[in-house]
Amino acid sequence: MQGIAMDDRRVHPRTAVSLPARIFADERLMLTASTLDVSMSGALLHGHARIGIGERVRVEVPRGGTRNPLVLRAEVVRLEEPSENQRRHGLALRWVDPGLADVAALASLLRDRR
């Protein structure tokens, strides 16, 4: 895919939304962060953790009230470091095999935040 920009490869549109999220690796809390954007295929979070590209993690997003959090499995696909143009760390995730209920809950979260 040489010469194709990252945005051109996206299957689902991103929604700029700030949602609290907790990232776990091997049942250990690795990061409490906020999302920068979310899509039906992944998310970009603001934060830094000792997690490597390709590592599988569990993401928990509170849904408010007495509802259980949305829990998704994800793979780390990119790590962003601060630079001259960007003053934050970022963690890009791709959802891994979300179930139908997870997809519906994620769609509802995104719809409610638009």
N, C-alpha and C. Protein backbone atom coordinates (compact mmCIF):
# COMPACT_ATOMS: atom_id res chain seq x y z
N MET A 1 0.81 -1.20 0.00
CA MET A 1 0.00 0.00 0.00
C MET A 1 0.85 1.25 0.00
N GLN A 2 1.97 1.16 -0.57
CA GLN A 2 2.87 2.29 -0.62
C GLN A 2 2.21 3.44 -1.37
N GLY A 3 2.33 4.65 -0.83
CA GLY A 3 1.79 5.81 -1.48
C GLY A 3 0.34 6.11 -1.11
N ILE A 4 -0.28 5.26 -0.31
CA ILE A 4 -1.65 5.49 0.11
C ILE A 4 -1.64 6.04 1.53
N ALA A 5 -2.29 7.17 1.72
CA ALA A 5 -2.33 7.79 3.04
C ALA A 5 -3.17 6.95 3.99
N MET A 6 -2.86 7.04 5.30
CA MET A 6 -3.59 6.28 6.31
C MET A 6 -5.09 6.55 6.21
N ASP A 7 -5.50 7.81 6.02
CA ASP A 7 -6.91 8.14 5.97
C ASP A 7 -7.62 7.44 4.82
N ASP A 8 -6.90 7.17 3.72
CA ASP A 8 -7.50 6.53 2.56
C ASP A 8 -7.78 5.05 2.81
N ARG A 9 -7.15 4.45 3.80
CA ARG A 9 -7.33 3.03 4.08
C ARG A 9 -8.43 2.77 5.10
N ARG A 10 -8.98 3.80 5.71
CA ARG A 10 -9.98 3.61 6.76
C ARG A 10 -11.28 3.10 6.17
N VAL A 11 -11.82 2.10 6.82
CA VAL A 11 -13.08 1.51 6.39
C VAL A 11 -14.25 2.27 6.99
N HIS A 12 -14.12 2.71 8.24
CA HIS A 12 -15.19 3.40 8.94
C HIS A 12 -14.77 4.84 9.27
N PRO A 13 -15.70 5.77 9.18
CA PRO A 13 -15.37 7.16 9.53
C PRO A 13 -15.10 7.30 11.03
N ARG A 14 -14.18 8.20 11.36
CA ARG A 14 -13.85 8.47 12.75
C ARG A 14 -14.76 9.57 13.28
N THR A 15 -15.10 9.46 14.56
CA THR A 15 -15.87 10.50 15.24
C THR A 15 -14.98 11.08 16.32
N ALA A 16 -14.74 12.38 16.26
CA ALA A 16 -13.95 13.04 17.31
C ALA A 16 -14.81 13.06 18.57
N VAL A 17 -14.39 12.31 19.56
CA VAL A 17 -15.17 12.19 20.79
C VAL A 17 -14.22 11.88 21.94
N SER A 18 -14.47 12.50 23.08
CA SER A 18 -13.67 12.25 24.27
C SER A 18 -14.47 11.37 25.22
N LEU A 19 -14.05 10.11 25.30
CA LEU A 19 -14.67 9.14 26.20
C LEU A 19 -13.62 8.62 27.15
N PRO A 20 -13.96 8.45 28.41
CA PRO A 20 -12.99 7.84 29.32
C PRO A 20 -12.79 6.38 28.94
N ALA A 21 -11.58 5.89 29.09
CA ALA A 21 -11.30 4.50 28.75
C ALA A 21 -10.19 3.97 29.66
N ARG A 22 -10.29 2.68 29.95
CA ARG A 22 -9.22 2.02 30.70
C ARG A 22 -8.69 0.89 29.84
N ILE A 23 -7.36 0.78 29.77
CA ILE A 23 -6.69 -0.22 28.94
C ILE A 23 -6.02 -1.24 29.85
N PHE A 24 -6.31 -2.51 29.60
CA PHE A 24 -5.74 -3.60 30.38
C PHE A 24 -4.93 -4.52 29.47
N ALA A 25 -3.81 -5.01 29.96
CA ALA A 25 -3.02 -6.04 29.27
C ALA A 25 -2.78 -7.14 30.29
N ASP A 26 -3.14 -8.35 29.95
CA ASP A 26 -2.99 -9.48 30.87
C ASP A 26 -3.63 -9.18 32.23
N GLU A 27 -4.84 -8.62 32.21
CA GLU A 27 -5.61 -8.31 33.42
C GLU A 27 -4.99 -7.23 34.29
N ARG A 28 -3.96 -6.56 33.80
CA ARG A 28 -3.31 -5.49 34.55
C ARG A 28 -3.65 -4.15 33.93
N LEU A 29 -4.12 -3.20 34.75
CA LEU A 29 -4.43 -1.87 34.25
C LEU A 29 -3.15 -1.20 33.77
N MET A 30 -3.14 -0.81 32.49
CA MET A 30 -1.96 -0.21 31.89
C MET A 30 -2.11 1.29 31.69
N LEU A 31 -3.37 1.75 31.49
CA LEU A 31 -3.58 3.15 31.15
C LEU A 31 -5.02 3.55 31.42
N THR A 32 -5.20 4.70 32.04
CA THR A 32 -6.50 5.36 32.12
C THR A 32 -6.37 6.58 31.24
N ALA A 33 -7.24 6.68 30.23
CA ALA A 33 -7.06 7.71 29.20
C ALA A 33 -8.41 8.21 28.71
N SER A 34 -8.35 9.10 27.73
CA SER A 34 -9.53 9.58 27.03
C SER A 34 -9.33 9.34 25.54
N THR A 35 -10.42 9.03 24.86
CA THR A 35 -10.32 8.86 23.42
C THR A 35 -10.21 10.23 22.75
N LEU A 36 -9.53 10.26 21.63
CA LEU A 36 -9.48 11.44 20.77
C LEU A 36 -10.46 11.27 19.62
N ASP A 37 -10.52 10.06 19.10
CA ASP A 37 -11.53 9.72 18.11
C ASP A 37 -11.81 8.23 18.18
N VAL A 38 -13.00 7.88 17.71
CA VAL A 38 -13.45 6.48 17.75
C VAL A 38 -14.16 6.17 16.44
N SER A 39 -14.01 4.96 15.96
CA SER A 39 -14.76 4.49 14.80
C SER A 39 -15.24 3.08 15.11
N MET A 40 -15.98 2.53 14.20
CA MET A 40 -16.46 1.16 14.37
C MET A 40 -15.33 0.15 14.21
N SER A 41 -14.15 0.60 13.78
CA SER A 41 -13.03 -0.33 13.62
C SER A 41 -11.88 -0.07 14.58
N GLY A 42 -11.93 1.02 15.36
CA GLY A 42 -10.83 1.28 16.29
C GLY A 42 -10.96 2.62 16.98
N ALA A 43 -9.87 3.01 17.65
CA ALA A 43 -9.88 4.28 18.38
C ALA A 43 -8.46 4.80 18.52
N LEU A 44 -8.37 6.12 18.75
CA LEU A 44 -7.11 6.77 19.08
C LEU A 44 -7.29 7.34 20.47
N LEU A 45 -6.39 6.98 21.38
CA LEU A 45 -6.46 7.45 22.76
C LEU A 45 -5.30 8.38 23.06
N HIS A 46 -5.54 9.31 23.94
CA HIS A 46 -4.50 10.22 24.41
C HIS A 46 -3.87 9.59 25.63
N GLY A 47 -2.59 9.28 25.54
CA GLY A 47 -1.91 8.70 26.68
C GLY A 47 -0.71 7.88 26.25
N HIS A 48 0.01 7.42 27.26
CA HIS A 48 1.24 6.65 27.03
C HIS A 48 1.27 5.50 28.03
N ALA A 49 1.60 4.33 27.54
CA ALA A 49 1.73 3.15 28.40
C ALA A 49 2.82 2.25 27.84
N ARG A 50 3.31 1.38 28.67
CA ARG A 50 4.34 0.42 28.24
C ARG A 50 3.66 -0.76 27.53
N ILE A 51 3.18 -0.45 26.34
CA ILE A 51 2.49 -1.42 25.50
C ILE A 51 3.14 -1.33 24.12
N GLY A 52 3.33 -2.46 23.49
CA GLY A 52 3.97 -2.46 22.18
C GLY A 52 3.00 -2.65 21.04
N ILE A 53 3.43 -2.25 19.86
CA ILE A 53 2.64 -2.46 18.65
C ILE A 53 2.43 -3.96 18.47
N GLY A 54 1.20 -4.33 18.15
CA GLY A 54 0.85 -5.74 17.97
C GLY A 54 0.32 -6.39 19.24
N GLU A 55 0.46 -5.73 20.37
CA GLU A 55 -0.02 -6.30 21.64
C GLU A 55 -1.54 -6.24 21.70
N ARG A 56 -2.14 -7.28 22.25
CA ARG A 56 -3.59 -7.33 22.43
C ARG A 56 -3.94 -6.79 23.81
N VAL A 57 -4.99 -5.97 23.87
CA VAL A 57 -5.41 -5.35 25.12
C VAL A 57 -6.94 -5.45 25.24
N ARG A 58 -7.40 -5.16 26.45
CA ARG A 58 -8.84 -5.06 26.71
C ARG A 58 -9.14 -3.59 27.01
N VAL A 59 -10.18 -3.07 26.38
CA VAL A 59 -10.57 -1.68 26.55
C VAL A 59 -11.93 -1.64 27.24
N GLU A 60 -12.03 -0.86 28.31
CA GLU A 60 -13.30 -0.67 29.00
C GLU A 60 -13.71 0.79 28.90
N VAL A 61 -14.94 1.01 28.42
CA VAL A 61 -15.48 2.37 28.28
C VAL A 61 -16.77 2.44 29.09
N PRO A 62 -16.81 3.29 30.13
CA PRO A 62 -18.04 3.41 30.92
C PRO A 62 -19.20 3.89 30.05
N ARG A 63 -20.40 3.38 30.35
CA ARG A 63 -21.58 3.79 29.60
C ARG A 63 -22.55 4.59 30.47
N GLY A 64 -22.14 4.91 31.68
CA GLY A 64 -22.95 5.77 32.53
C GLY A 64 -23.96 5.01 33.37
N GLY A 65 -24.35 5.65 34.46
CA GLY A 65 -25.36 5.08 35.34
C GLY A 65 -24.95 3.72 35.88
N THR A 66 -25.91 2.82 35.92
CA THR A 66 -25.66 1.48 36.46
C THR A 66 -25.35 0.48 35.36
N ARG A 67 -25.18 0.96 34.13
CA ARG A 67 -24.89 0.06 33.01
C ARG A 67 -23.46 -0.46 33.10
N ASN A 68 -23.27 -1.68 32.65
CA ASN A 68 -21.93 -2.25 32.59
C ASN A 68 -21.11 -1.50 31.56
N PRO A 69 -19.78 -1.43 31.74
CA PRO A 69 -18.96 -0.75 30.73
C PRO A 69 -18.95 -1.57 29.44
N LEU A 70 -18.71 -0.86 28.35
CA LEU A 70 -18.48 -1.52 27.07
C LEU A 70 -17.06 -2.09 27.14
N VAL A 71 -16.92 -3.38 26.88
CA VAL A 71 -15.62 -4.04 26.94
C VAL A 71 -15.30 -4.58 25.55
N LEU A 72 -14.18 -4.11 25.00
CA LEU A 72 -13.75 -4.52 23.66
C LEU A 72 -12.32 -5.03 23.70
N ARG A 73 -12.02 -6.01 22.88
CA ARG A 73 -10.65 -6.48 22.67
C ARG A 73 -10.07 -5.66 21.53
N ALA A 74 -8.79 -5.33 21.65
CA ALA A 74 -8.16 -4.50 20.62
C ALA A 74 -6.70 -4.88 20.45
N GLU A 75 -6.16 -4.47 19.32
CA GLU A 75 -4.73 -4.64 19.03
C GLU A 75 -4.12 -3.25 18.87
N VAL A 76 -2.96 -3.05 19.47
CA VAL A 76 -2.25 -1.78 19.31
C VAL A 76 -1.65 -1.76 17.90
N VAL A 77 -2.03 -0.74 17.12
CA VAL A 77 -1.54 -0.66 15.74
C VAL A 77 -0.58 0.50 15.51
N ARG A 78 -0.56 1.46 16.43
CA ARG A 78 0.35 2.59 16.27
C ARG A 78 0.55 3.27 17.61
N LEU A 79 1.77 3.75 17.84
CA LEU A 79 2.09 4.56 19.01
C LEU A 79 2.56 5.91 18.51
N GLU A 80 2.01 6.98 19.08
CA GLU A 80 2.39 8.33 18.66
C GLU A 80 3.17 9.00 19.78
N GLU A 81 4.29 9.58 19.43
CA GLU A 81 5.14 10.30 20.36
C GLU A 81 4.99 11.80 20.13
N PRO A 82 5.21 12.60 21.17
CA PRO A 82 5.17 14.06 20.97
C PRO A 82 6.21 14.48 19.92
N SER A 83 5.84 15.49 19.15
CA SER A 83 6.75 16.02 18.14
C SER A 83 6.56 17.53 18.08
N GLU A 84 7.22 18.15 17.13
CA GLU A 84 7.11 19.59 16.95
C GLU A 84 5.67 20.00 16.65
N ASN A 85 4.95 19.17 15.90
CA ASN A 85 3.58 19.49 15.50
C ASN A 85 2.51 18.90 16.41
N GLN A 86 2.91 18.01 17.28
CA GLN A 86 1.94 17.29 18.12
C GLN A 86 2.52 17.16 19.52
N ARG A 87 1.85 17.66 20.50
CA ARG A 87 2.39 17.68 21.85
C ARG A 87 1.75 16.66 22.77
N ARG A 88 1.43 15.51 22.24
CA ARG A 88 0.81 14.48 23.06
C ARG A 88 1.27 13.09 22.64
N HIS A 89 1.10 12.15 23.55
CA HIS A 89 1.28 10.74 23.24
C HIS A 89 -0.05 10.20 22.74
N GLY A 90 -0.01 9.23 21.89
CA GLY A 90 -1.24 8.61 21.39
C GLY A 90 -1.07 7.11 21.25
N LEU A 91 -2.19 6.43 21.39
CA LEU A 91 -2.23 4.98 21.29
C LEU A 91 -3.36 4.62 20.34
N ALA A 92 -3.04 4.10 19.15
CA ALA A 92 -4.05 3.75 18.17
C ALA A 92 -4.38 2.27 18.28
N LEU A 93 -5.69 1.98 18.34
CA LEU A 93 -6.16 0.61 18.53
C LEU A 93 -7.08 0.19 17.39
N ARG A 94 -7.05 -1.10 17.10
CA ARG A 94 -7.98 -1.71 16.14
C ARG A 94 -8.79 -2.73 16.92
N TRP A 95 -10.13 -2.63 16.84
CA TRP A 95 -10.97 -3.60 17.54
C TRP A 95 -10.74 -4.98 16.96
N VAL A 96 -10.72 -6.00 17.81
CA VAL A 96 -10.51 -7.38 17.39
C VAL A 96 -11.78 -8.19 17.64
N ASP A 97 -12.38 -8.65 16.57
CA ASP A 97 -13.56 -9.52 16.62
C ASP A 97 -14.64 -9.07 17.59
N PRO A 98 -15.15 -7.85 17.43
CA PRO A 98 -16.24 -7.42 18.33
C PRO A 98 -17.51 -8.22 18.05
N GLY A 99 -18.24 -8.55 19.09
CA GLY A 99 -19.51 -9.26 18.93
C GLY A 99 -20.59 -8.31 18.47
N LEU A 100 -21.73 -8.86 18.08
CA LEU A 100 -22.84 -8.03 17.60
C LEU A 100 -23.32 -7.07 18.67
N ALA A 101 -23.38 -7.52 19.92
CA ALA A 101 -23.81 -6.63 21.01
C ALA A 101 -22.81 -5.51 21.22
N ASP A 102 -21.51 -5.83 21.08
CA ASP A 102 -20.47 -4.80 21.22
C ASP A 102 -20.58 -3.76 20.11
N VAL A 103 -20.81 -4.21 18.90
CA VAL A 103 -20.95 -3.30 17.76
C VAL A 103 -22.15 -2.38 17.98
N ALA A 104 -23.26 -2.94 18.43
CA ALA A 104 -24.47 -2.14 18.68
C ALA A 104 -24.22 -1.12 19.80
N ALA A 105 -23.54 -1.55 20.87
CA ALA A 105 -23.25 -0.64 21.99
C ALA A 105 -22.30 0.47 21.54
N LEU A 106 -21.30 0.14 20.74
CA LEU A 106 -20.36 1.14 20.24
C LEU A 106 -21.07 2.13 19.32
N ALA A 107 -21.92 1.63 18.44
CA ALA A 107 -22.68 2.51 17.55
C ALA A 107 -23.57 3.45 18.36
N SER A 108 -24.17 2.95 19.41
CA SER A 108 -25.02 3.77 20.26
C SER A 108 -24.21 4.86 20.97
N LEU A 109 -23.04 4.49 21.48
CA LEU A 109 -22.17 5.48 22.13
C LEU A 109 -21.79 6.59 21.16
N LEU A 110 -21.43 6.23 19.95
CA LEU A 110 -21.01 7.22 18.95
C LEU A 110 -22.19 8.08 18.52
N ARG A 111 -23.35 7.48 18.36
CA ARG A 111 -24.56 8.22 17.97
C ARG A 111 -24.94 9.24 19.05
N ASP A 112 -24.84 8.84 20.31
CA ASP A 112 -25.18 9.71 21.43
C ASP A 112 -24.22 10.88 21.57
N ARG A 113 -23.00 10.76 21.05
CA ARG A 113 -21.97 11.80 21.21
C ARG A 113 -21.90 12.75 20.03
N ARG A 114 -22.64 12.51 18.99
CA ARG A 114 -22.60 13.39 17.81
C ARG A 114 -23.39 14.64 18.02
